[in-house]
Amino acid sequence: MGIGWGEILLILVVALLVFGPNKLPDIARGLGKGIRDFKRAMNGLDDPDTLPRVPVRTARPPAPEKPIERSIRGPGQDKPPVSPT
């Protein structure tokens, strides 16, 4: 019972003669994708209720501990004034 190596070889030779060597890889790729999708559907992996949940970050980043000091000085006034001694 079942398919042996001889039958598989015969099917491949007939497919090669019918579709040609250029189309055969595309057909095999499509067949593999269809089987994979069918298995996923049978296992319930396409069901959104069974997919793993990813936490969503909604918290804000922590505020800086020290406020940012801003200078009121204009350009070229980087140094504080010198006190007369």
PDB file of N, CA and C in Angstrom:
ATOM      1  N   MET A   1       0.838  -1.187   0.000  1.00  0.00           N
ATOM      2  CA  MET A   1       0.000   0.000   0.000  1.00  0.00           C
ATOM      3  C   MET A   1       0.879   1.245   0.000  1.00  0.00           C
ATOM      4  N   GLY A   2       0.367   2.304  -0.528  1.00  0.00           N
ATOM      5  CA  GLY A   2       1.103   3.561  -0.565  1.00  0.00           C
ATOM      6  C   GLY A   2       1.839   3.729  -1.881  1.00  0.00           C
ATOM      7  N   ILE A   3       2.545   4.828  -1.965  1.00  0.00           N
ATOM      8  CA  ILE A   3       3.275   5.155  -3.185  1.00  0.00           C
ATOM      9  C   ILE A   3       4.747   4.808  -2.964  1.00  0.00           C
ATOM     10  N   GLY A   4       5.328   4.080  -3.877  1.00  0.00           N
ATOM     11  CA  GLY A   4       6.735   3.724  -3.790  1.00  0.00           C
ATOM     12  C   GLY A   4       7.589   4.679  -4.604  1.00  0.00           C
ATOM     13  N   TRP A   5       8.915   4.392  -4.625  1.00  0.00           N
ATOM     14  CA  TRP A   5       9.835   5.256  -5.346  1.00  0.00           C
ATOM     15  C   TRP A   5       9.599   5.218  -6.855  1.00  0.00           C
ATOM     16  N   GLY A   6       9.187   4.100  -7.350  1.00  0.00           N
ATOM     17  CA  GLY A   6       8.929   3.987  -8.789  1.00  0.00           C
ATOM     18  C   GLY A   6       7.783   4.868  -9.232  1.00  0.00           C
ATOM     19  N   GLU A   7       6.717   4.881  -8.435  1.00  0.00           N
ATOM     20  CA  GLU A   7       5.563   5.719  -8.779  1.00  0.00           C
ATOM     21  C   GLU A   7       5.899   7.204  -8.667  1.00  0.00           C
ATOM     22  N   ILE A   8       6.674   7.576  -7.636  1.00  0.00           N
ATOM     23  CA  ILE A   8       7.069   8.984  -7.472  1.00  0.00           C
ATOM     24  C   ILE A   8       7.915   9.430  -8.662  1.00  0.00           C
ATOM     25  N   LEU A   9       8.838   8.569  -9.087  1.00  0.00           N
ATOM     26  CA  LEU A   9       9.686   8.895 -10.231  1.00  0.00           C
ATOM     27  C   LEU A   9       8.862   9.045 -11.504  1.00  0.00           C
ATOM     28  N   LEU A  10       7.890   8.173 -11.691  1.00  0.00           N
ATOM     29  CA  LEU A  10       7.015   8.256 -12.862  1.00  0.00           C
ATOM     30  C   LEU A  10       6.213   9.557 -12.859  1.00  0.00           C
ATOM     31  N   ILE A  11       5.690   9.952 -11.697  1.00  0.00           N
ATOM     32  CA  ILE A  11       4.917  11.203 -11.589  1.00  0.00           C
ATOM     33  C   ILE A  11       5.811  12.401 -11.908  1.00  0.00           C
ATOM     34  N   LEU A  12       7.055  12.399 -11.412  1.00  0.00           N
ATOM     35  CA  LEU A  12       7.964  13.504 -11.680  1.00  0.00           C
ATOM     36  C   LEU A  12       8.330  13.606 -13.156  1.00  0.00           C
ATOM     37  N   VAL A  13       8.536  12.461 -13.809  1.00  0.00           N
ATOM     38  CA  VAL A  13       8.866  12.471 -15.238  1.00  0.00           C
ATOM     39  C   VAL A  13       7.690  12.990 -16.055  1.00  0.00           C
ATOM     40  N   VAL A  14       6.480  12.560 -15.722  1.00  0.00           N
ATOM     41  CA  VAL A  14       5.290  13.041 -16.447  1.00  0.00           C
ATOM     42  C   VAL A  14       5.106  14.543 -16.218  1.00  0.00           C
ATOM     43  N   ALA A  15       5.310  15.013 -14.965  1.00  0.00           N
ATOM     44  CA  ALA A  15       5.187  16.445 -14.671  1.00  0.00           C
ATOM     45  C   ALA A  15       6.225  17.243 -15.443  1.00  0.00           C
ATOM     46  N   LEU A  16       7.426  16.705 -15.544  1.00  0.00           N
ATOM     47  CA  LEU A  16       8.481  17.392 -16.289  1.00  0.00           C
ATOM     48  C   LEU A  16       8.135  17.490 -17.763  1.00  0.00           C
ATOM     49  N   LEU A  17       7.550  16.431 -18.321  1.00  0.00           N
ATOM     50  CA  LEU A  17       7.166  16.461 -19.733  1.00  0.00           C
ATOM     51  C   LEU A  17       5.982  17.386 -19.990  1.00  0.00           C
ATOM     52  N   VAL A  18       5.031  17.426 -19.054  1.00  0.00           N
ATOM     53  CA  VAL A  18       3.832  18.239 -19.257  1.00  0.00           C
ATOM     54  C   VAL A  18       4.124  19.731 -19.053  1.00  0.00           C
ATOM     55  N   PHE A  19       4.798  20.083 -17.955  1.00  0.00           N
ATOM     56  CA  PHE A  19       4.983  21.495 -17.612  1.00  0.00           C
ATOM     57  C   PHE A  19       6.296  22.074 -18.107  1.00  0.00           C
ATOM     58  N   GLY A  20       7.306  21.261 -18.305  1.00  0.00           N
ATOM     59  CA  GLY A  20       8.602  21.757 -18.770  1.00  0.00           C
ATOM     60  C   GLY A  20       9.507  22.115 -17.598  1.00  0.00           C
ATOM     61  N   PRO A  21      10.798  22.200 -17.862  1.00  0.00           N
ATOM     62  CA  PRO A  21      11.755  22.446 -16.783  1.00  0.00           C
ATOM     63  C   PRO A  21      11.704  23.868 -16.214  1.00  0.00           C
ATOM     64  N   ASN A  22      11.157  24.820 -16.946  1.00  0.00           N
ATOM     65  CA  ASN A  22      11.107  26.199 -16.444  1.00  0.00           C
ATOM     66  C   ASN A  22       9.971  26.425 -15.462  1.00  0.00           C
ATOM     67  N   LYS A  23       8.853  25.764 -15.656  1.00  0.00           N
ATOM     68  CA  LYS A  23       7.679  25.967 -14.803  1.00  0.00           C
ATOM     69  C   LYS A  23       7.671  25.058 -13.575  1.00  0.00           C
ATOM     70  N   LEU A  24       8.407  23.959 -13.613  1.00  0.00           N
ATOM     71  CA  LEU A  24       8.352  22.974 -12.525  1.00  0.00           C
ATOM     72  C   LEU A  24       8.761  23.551 -11.158  1.00  0.00           C
ATOM     73  N   PRO A  25       9.817  24.360 -11.031  1.00  0.00           N
ATOM     74  CA  PRO A  25      10.153  24.935  -9.716  1.00  0.00           C
ATOM     75  C   PRO A  25       9.060  25.846  -9.170  1.00  0.00           C
ATOM     76  N   ASP A  26       8.413  26.615 -10.043  1.00  0.00           N
ATOM     77  CA  ASP A  26       7.325  27.488  -9.592  1.00  0.00           C
ATOM     78  C   ASP A  26       6.146  26.675  -9.064  1.00  0.00           C
ATOM     79  N   ILE A  27       5.840  25.595  -9.748  1.00  0.00           N
ATOM     80  CA  ILE A  27       4.728  24.736  -9.325  1.00  0.00           C
ATOM     81  C   ILE A  27       5.055  24.088  -7.983  1.00  0.00           C
ATOM     82  N   ALA A  28       6.294  23.596  -7.825  1.00  0.00           N
ATOM     83  CA  ALA A  28       6.695  22.967  -6.567  1.00  0.00           C
ATOM     84  C   ALA A  28       6.670  23.973  -5.416  1.00  0.00           C
ATOM     85  N   ARG A  29       7.112  25.210  -5.669  1.00  0.00           N
ATOM     86  CA  ARG A  29       7.100  26.253  -4.639  1.00  0.00           C
ATOM     87  C   ARG A  29       5.666  26.568  -4.204  1.00  0.00           C
ATOM     88  N   GLY A  30       4.772  26.680  -5.165  1.00  0.00           N
ATOM     89  CA  GLY A  30       3.368  26.946  -4.842  1.00  0.00           C
ATOM     90  C   GLY A  30       2.726  25.800  -4.090  1.00  0.00           C
ATOM     91  N   LEU A  31       3.068  24.572  -4.478  1.00  0.00           N
ATOM     92  CA  LEU A  31       2.526  23.400  -3.782  1.00  0.00           C
ATOM     93  C   LEU A  31       3.018  23.349  -2.338  1.00  0.00           C
ATOM     94  N   GLY A  32       4.305  23.641  -2.125  1.00  0.00           N
ATOM     95  CA  GLY A  32       4.851  23.647  -0.764  1.00  0.00           C
ATOM     96  C   GLY A  32       4.213  24.718   0.101  1.00  0.00           C
ATOM     97  N   LYS A  33       3.996  25.907  -0.465  1.00  0.00           N
ATOM     98  CA  LYS A  33       3.355  26.988   0.288  1.00  0.00           C
ATOM     99  C   LYS A  33       1.917  26.633   0.631  1.00  0.00           C
ATOM    100  N   GLY A  34       1.224  25.990  -0.301  1.00  0.00           N
ATOM    101  CA  GLY A  34      -0.156  25.583  -0.030  1.00  0.00           C
ATOM    102  C   GLY A  34      -0.239  24.554   1.080  1.00  0.00           C
ATOM    103  N   ILE A  35       0.678  23.586   1.075  1.00  0.00           N
ATOM    104  CA  ILE A  35       0.685  22.574   2.140  1.00  0.00           C
ATOM    105  C   ILE A  35       1.013  23.219   3.480  1.00  0.00           C
ATOM    106  N   ARG A  36       1.970  24.145   3.510  1.00  0.00           N
ATOM    107  CA  ARG A  36       2.344  24.828   4.749  1.00  0.00           C
ATOM    108  C   ARG A  36       1.174  25.645   5.301  1.00  0.00           C
ATOM    109  N   ASP A  37       0.465  26.367   4.429  1.00  0.00           N
ATOM    110  CA  ASP A  37      -0.693  27.140   4.873  1.00  0.00           C
ATOM    111  C   ASP A  37      -1.804  26.227   5.381  1.00  0.00           C
ATOM    112  N   PHE A  38      -1.983  25.095   4.729  1.00  0.00           N
ATOM    113  CA  PHE A  38      -3.005  24.142   5.165  1.00  0.00           C
ATOM    114  C   PHE A  38      -2.675  23.604   6.558  1.00  0.00           C
ATOM    115  N   LYS A  39      -1.414  23.274   6.801  1.00  0.00           N
ATOM    116  CA  LYS A  39      -1.020  22.773   8.121  1.00  0.00           C
ATOM    117  C   LYS A  39      -1.207  23.826   9.193  1.00  0.00           C
ATOM    118  N   ARG A  40      -0.865  25.072   8.879  1.00  0.00           N
ATOM    119  CA  ARG A  40      -1.063  26.150   9.860  1.00  0.00           C
ATOM    120  C   ARG A  40      -2.541  26.332  10.191  1.00  0.00           C
ATOM    121  N   ALA A  41      -3.378  26.263   9.177  1.00  0.00           N
ATOM    122  CA  ALA A  41      -4.814  26.414   9.410  1.00  0.00           C
ATOM    123  C   ALA A  41      -5.361  25.251  10.234  1.00  0.00           C
ATOM    124  N   MET A  42      -4.852  24.055   9.994  1.00  0.00           N
ATOM    125  CA  MET A  42      -5.317  22.887  10.753  1.00  0.00           C
ATOM    126  C   MET A  42      -4.866  22.950  12.211  1.00  0.00           C
ATOM    127  N   ASN A  43      -3.694  23.537  12.460  1.00  0.00           N
ATOM    128  CA  ASN A  43      -3.194  23.652  13.825  1.00  0.00           C
ATOM    129  C   ASN A  43      -3.735  24.873  14.549  1.00  0.00           C
ATOM    130  N   GLY A  44      -4.436  25.736  13.850  1.00  0.00           N
ATOM    131  CA  GLY A  44      -5.029  26.915  14.467  1.00  0.00           C
ATOM    132  C   GLY A  44      -4.060  28.064  14.629  1.00  0.00           C
ATOM    133  N   LEU A  45      -2.956  28.073  13.907  1.00  0.00           N
ATOM    134  CA  LEU A  45      -1.986  29.145  14.051  1.00  0.00           C
ATOM    135  C   LEU A  45      -2.428  30.431  13.372  1.00  0.00           C
ATOM    136  N   ASP A  46      -3.400  30.367  12.491  1.00  0.00           N
ATOM    137  CA  ASP A  46      -3.898  31.578  11.842  1.00  0.00           C
ATOM    138  C   ASP A  46      -5.000  32.255  12.659  1.00  0.00           C
ATOM    139  N   ASP A  47      -5.432  31.605  13.726  1.00  0.00           N
ATOM    140  CA  ASP A  47      -6.482  32.156  14.572  1.00  0.00           C
ATOM    141  C   ASP A  47      -5.882  33.262  15.447  1.00  0.00           C
ATOM    142  N   PRO A  48      -6.405  34.496  15.424  1.00  0.00           N
ATOM    143  CA  PRO A  48      -5.819  35.575  16.210  1.00  0.00           C
ATOM    144  C   PRO A  48      -5.891  35.333  17.715  1.00  0.00           C
ATOM    145  N   ASP A  49      -6.823  34.509  18.172  1.00  0.00           N
ATOM    146  CA  ASP A  49      -6.927  34.242  19.601  1.00  0.00           C
ATOM    147  C   ASP A  49      -5.798  33.352  20.104  1.00  0.00           C
ATOM    148  N   THR A  50      -5.163  32.589  19.220  1.00  0.00           N
ATOM    149  CA  THR A  50      -4.097  31.690  19.644  1.00  0.00           C
ATOM    150  C   THR A  50      -2.707  32.268  19.424  1.00  0.00           C
ATOM    151  N   LEU A  51      -2.609  33.436  18.789  1.00  0.00           N
ATOM    152  CA  LEU A  51      -1.305  34.045  18.570  1.00  0.00           C
ATOM    153  C   LEU A  51      -0.765  34.608  19.881  1.00  0.00           C
ATOM    154  N   PRO A  52       0.549  34.582  20.088  1.00  0.00           N
ATOM    155  CA  PRO A  52       1.102  35.144  21.322  1.00  0.00           C
ATOM    156  C   PRO A  52       0.902  36.646  21.353  1.00  0.00           C
ATOM    157  N   ARG A  53       0.613  37.158  22.495  1.00  0.00           N
ATOM    158  CA  ARG A  53       0.359  38.584  22.651  1.00  0.00           C
ATOM    159  C   ARG A  53       1.669  39.315  22.936  1.00  0.00           C
ATOM    160  N   VAL A  54       1.831  40.468  22.291  1.00  0.00           N
ATOM    161  CA  VAL A  54       3.019  41.286  22.481  1.00  0.00           C
ATOM    162  C   VAL A  54       2.603  42.495  23.301  1.00  0.00           C
ATOM    163  N   PRO A  55       3.282  42.748  24.425  1.00  0.00           N
ATOM    164  CA  PRO A  55       2.882  43.903  25.236  1.00  0.00           C
ATOM    165  C   PRO A  55       3.131  45.214  24.494  1.00  0.00           C
ATOM    166  N   VAL A  56       2.232  46.149  24.685  1.00  0.00           N
ATOM    167  CA  VAL A  56       2.334  47.447  24.046  1.00  0.00           C
ATOM    168  C   VAL A  56       2.855  48.440  25.079  1.00  0.00           C
ATOM    169  N   ARG A  57       3.896  49.168  24.718  1.00  0.00           N
ATOM    170  CA  ARG A  57       4.454  50.139  25.657  1.00  0.00           C
ATOM    171  C   ARG A  57       3.651  51.425  25.577  1.00  0.00           C
ATOM    172  N   THR A  58       3.028  51.803  26.682  1.00  0.00           N
ATOM    173  CA  THR A  58       2.268  53.040  26.713  1.00  0.00           C
ATOM    174  C   THR A  58       2.836  54.024  27.725  1.00  0.00           C
ATOM    175  N   ALA A  59       3.794  53.597  28.541  1.00  0.00           N
ATOM    176  CA  ALA A  59       4.354  54.472  29.561  1.00  0.00           C
ATOM    177  C   ALA A  59       5.276  55.506  28.930  1.00  0.00           C
ATOM    178  N   ARG A  60       5.304  56.675  29.523  1.00  0.00           N
ATOM    179  CA  ARG A  60       6.201  57.724  29.066  1.00  0.00           C
ATOM    180  C   ARG A  60       7.596  57.463  29.607  1.00  0.00           C
ATOM    181  N   PRO A  61       8.607  57.966  28.933  1.00  0.00           N
ATOM    182  CA  PRO A  61       9.948  57.822  29.484  1.00  0.00           C
ATOM    183  C   PRO A  61      10.078  58.650  30.760  1.00  0.00           C
ATOM    184  N   PRO A  62      10.941  58.246  31.686  1.00  0.00           N
ATOM    185  CA  PRO A  62      11.053  58.995  32.947  1.00  0.00           C
ATOM    186  C   PRO A  62      11.554  60.414  32.710  1.00  0.00           C
ATOM    187  N   ALA A  63      11.061  61.330  33.528  1.00  0.00           N
ATOM    188  CA  ALA A  63      11.453  62.731  33.416  1.00  0.00           C
ATOM    189  C   ALA A  63      12.892  62.884  33.896  1.00  0.00           C
ATOM    190  N   PRO A  64      13.628  63.847  33.342  1.00  0.00           N
ATOM    191  CA  PRO A  64      14.997  64.045  33.817  1.00  0.00           C
ATOM    192  C   PRO A  64      15.000  64.457  35.280  1.00  0.00           C
ATOM    193  N   GLU A  65      16.028  64.016  36.021  1.00  0.00           N
ATOM    194  CA  GLU A  65      16.099  64.303  37.448  1.00  0.00           C
ATOM    195  C   GLU A  65      16.405  65.773  37.709  1.00  0.00           C
ATOM    196  N   LYS A  66      17.248  66.358  36.892  1.00  0.00           N
ATOM    197  CA  LYS A  66      17.642  67.733  37.089  1.00  0.00           C
ATOM    198  C   LYS A  66      17.104  68.558  35.927  1.00  0.00           C
ATOM    199  N   PRO A  67      16.482  69.709  36.206  1.00  0.00           N
ATOM    200  CA  PRO A  67      15.992  70.525  35.094  1.00  0.00           C
ATOM    201  C   PRO A  67      17.161  71.029  34.249  1.00  0.00           C
ATOM    202  N   ILE A  68      16.905  71.227  33.008  1.00  0.00           N
ATOM    203  CA  ILE A  68      17.926  71.692  32.087  1.00  0.00           C
ATOM    204  C   ILE A  68      18.125  73.185  32.291  1.00  0.00           C
ATOM    205  N   GLU A  69      19.395  73.573  32.538  1.00  0.00           N
ATOM    206  CA  GLU A  69      19.704  74.990  32.732  1.00  0.00           C
ATOM    207  C   GLU A  69      19.989  75.611  31.373  1.00  0.00           C
ATOM    208  N   ARG A  70      19.362  76.721  31.150  1.00  0.00           N
ATOM    209  CA  ARG A  70      19.567  77.403  29.881  1.00  0.00           C
ATOM    210  C   ARG A  70      20.231  78.749  30.135  1.00  0.00           C
ATOM    211  N   SER A  71      21.094  79.097  29.259  1.00  0.00           N
ATOM    212  CA  SER A  71      21.823  80.348  29.386  1.00  0.00           C
ATOM    213  C   SER A  71      21.039  81.474  28.737  1.00  0.00           C
ATOM    214  N   ILE A  72      21.086  82.654  29.384  1.00  0.00           N
ATOM    215  CA  ILE A  72      20.421  83.824  28.833  1.00  0.00           C
ATOM    216  C   ILE A  72      21.423  84.647  28.032  1.00  0.00           C
ATOM    217  N   ARG A  73      22.668  84.274  28.113  1.00  0.00           N
ATOM    218  CA  ARG A  73      23.704  85.027  27.426  1.00  0.00           C
ATOM    219  C   ARG A  73      23.559  84.886  25.917  1.00  0.00           C
ATOM    220  N   GLY A  74      24.002  85.883  25.216  1.00  0.00           N
ATOM    221  CA  GLY A  74      23.960  85.869  23.769  1.00  0.00           C
ATOM    222  C   GLY A  74      25.197  85.213  23.192  1.00  0.00           C
ATOM    223  N   PRO A  75      25.314  85.204  21.883  1.00  0.00           N
ATOM    224  CA  PRO A  75      26.484  84.602  21.264  1.00  0.00           C
ATOM    225  C   PRO A  75      27.751  85.366  21.631  1.00  0.00           C
ATOM    226  N   GLY A  76      28.814  84.636  21.897  1.00  0.00           N
ATOM    227  CA  GLY A  76      30.082  85.253  22.257  1.00  0.00           C
ATOM    228  C   GLY A  76      30.174  85.610  23.721  1.00  0.00           C
ATOM    229  N   GLN A  77      29.175  85.335  24.503  1.00  0.00           N
ATOM    230  CA  GLN A  77      29.178  85.661  25.937  1.00  0.00           C
ATOM    231  C   GLN A  77      29.167  84.368  26.751  1.00  0.00           C
ATOM    232  N   ASP A  78      30.033  83.450  26.403  1.00  0.00           N
ATOM    233  CA  ASP A  78      30.054  82.173  27.086  1.00  0.00           C
ATOM    234  C   ASP A  78      30.640  82.252  28.480  1.00  0.00           C
ATOM    235  N   LYS A  79      31.568  83.217  28.705  1.00  0.00           N
ATOM    236  CA  LYS A  79      32.225  83.314  30.008  1.00  0.00           C
ATOM    237  C   LYS A  79      31.452  84.285  30.895  1.00  0.00           C
ATOM    238  N   PRO A  80      31.393  83.968  32.186  1.00  0.00           N
ATOM    239  CA  PRO A  80      30.736  84.918  33.098  1.00  0.00           C
ATOM    240  C   PRO A  80      31.573  86.198  33.223  1.00  0.00           C
ATOM    241  N   PRO A  81      30.931  87.292  33.576  1.00  0.00           N
ATOM    242  CA  PRO A  81      31.692  88.553  33.698  1.00  0.00           C
ATOM    243  C   PRO A  81      32.751  88.431  34.809  1.00  0.00           C
ATOM    244  N   VAL A  82      33.880  89.069  34.580  1.00  0.00           N
ATOM    245  CA  VAL A  82      34.973  89.060  35.553  1.00  0.00           C
ATOM    246  C   VAL A  82      34.750  90.182  36.540  1.00  0.00           C
ATOM    247  N   SER A  83      34.854  89.860  37.841  1.00  0.00           N
ATOM    248  CA  SER A  83      34.667  90.888  38.866  1.00  0.00           C
ATOM    249  C   SER A  83      35.988  91.653  39.052  1.00  0.00           C
ATOM    250  N   PRO A  84      35.907  92.968  39.211  1.00  0.00           N
ATOM    251  CA  PRO A  84      37.142  93.740  39.385  1.00  0.00           C
ATOM    252  C   PRO A  84      37.753  93.463  40.759  1.00  0.00           C
ATOM    253  N   THR A  85      39.041  93.265  40.812  1.00  0.00           N
ATOM    254  CA  THR A  85      39.726  93.030  42.090  1.00  0.00           C
ATOM    255  C   THR A  85      40.755  94.069  42.379  1.00  0.00           C
TER     256      THR A  85
END
